[in-house]
Amino acid sequence: VPIILARISEPTFPDVTFNILEYGAIPAPNLNDVEAPFSVVDANTNAFRNAIGLANIFGVWVCLIRGWGQLAISPITIRSNVNVHLATRESIVRFTRNTTAYPLVFTRWEGIELINYSPFVYAFEEENIALTAVGLLDGNCDCEHWWPWKGTWYAQCWETTPINQTIDRDALFQMAEDDVPVVDRVFGEGHYLRPQFIQPYRSKNVLIQGITITNSPMWIVHPVLCDNVVVRDVNITSLGPNSDGVDPESCKDVWIYNVTFNNGDDDIAIKSGRNADGRRVNVSSENIVIQDCSMEEGHGGVTLGSCISGGVKKVFAERIYLSSDMLDTAIRGGLLEGFYLRDITVGRVGRQVIEVDFFYEEGPNAGFVPVIKDFVIQNLTLLEFAPYTCYIRGYEGHPNASFVGLRLENATFNGVANDPHYVVENVDVVELENVVVNGAVWEWGK
């Protein structure tokens, strides 16, 4: 961990600013649920674009939002050597619900490259970029805007209609399997694939710090094919469908520190591309450090997958508090090697504390299967309740898939409901040291 952190260098910016209010931005005292006129959205977006463009030309300067009020905008694109900074707690950026205001860009959707709606905050092949704040980014998504495109959802607050992502999702997946060129995988207006909130793509030296993010259309912080990424002191609250918190995908040297999660899907989900497209791009996620995070809500706390066909290597998580399933790996092929967790505190969870699922969606007949090596969990405490300690199922008798090496040491599980308290199948080498379940020592095989 010290070696990885020493290698991660944050972008720095001198104390020189471009204030977008001086470039024609029009703040409003309180937009609430009222959609701002397009003329206002257009003026604010142009103010951002002009300030960012000048900051990029002059180098390492800051595009700044000062003062109170809300700014309604369409997507913004950050350029190299620019820090977009919301300077006060009263600074609120709220994104328009007008889907025609979202241009088409090269992006990745559920692990597959395509041309689709721009993420709300986007960067493509940039270097030394930052999004910092004490203010708020509001995606402005709800039960009537963006979220219904999910279709059927366990917690949906909308009436399901045939107009949702199902057809487009299936079409995109088939395009990837058929190796259709990315430039021909065009979606956007007239289709129903929701954009991500924040997505730097093929970028280097990325800092996301201090911001509060709410009401995302789907995945919230989603760096793709990036090197040297820091996500620090961020507060995420978004309970809509597929609202993963931080999803580094095919990234190297990532530090996620002191992030608070209250979201409707996985808190942290490490990814590397889906199926054929993940194997085509073939870039793993490596050297991920997660520290001092609080996970109040979410399906999985620290997860690997899904969309992990490019593989994952060397993930370290420590000093984590969560009340969602701790390790929830939904796997579709790829090599997963080196997953280390320590000093983990779990309040109560609805399923199992540790889950590894080889059978998520495609299962053993998909043609490409996972290989897992070296999972180590140290100093784990379950405080209140879980149905099971572990639910881990590998493939039986599969010639290529394997799960080798699960070690659990210094762990205490309180309030485990079921007896037997675990399901562990087809795992080679399970080591337990000082593991106590409901007051009794857990000895493997007994």
Foldseek 3Di string as FASTA:
>chain_A
DVVLVVPFDAFAADAAEDELVVQQQDFDQDCDLPADDVVNQVRSQVSLVVRQVVCQVVAQYEYEYDDAGEGEYAAHEHAANYEYEYEDQRYEYEYGLPLVSFAWDFDAAQQATATEGAANYEYEAHENYEYEYLYEYEDSADLVGLQQLCADDPPHPYDGDPQHQPVLVVVRVVCLVVVPPRHPSHDGPPHRRFHEHHEYELYENYEYYNYEYEATSAAYAEYENYENYEYENYEYAYAGPNHAAHEYELYESYEYYAYEDHYNAEPYEYAHGADSRSVVVQRAYENYEYEQYEAEDHAEHHEYDDHHASEYEAYEYENYEYAHQYYAYAYDAYEYEHAEYEHYEYEHYEAENHEHDQQRPPHPVPPHGYEYYAYEYYHYEYDAAHQAHYEYEDDPPDPPYAAEHYEYENYEYAHHNDVVRYHHYRHHDYYYYNYYYNRHDDDPPD
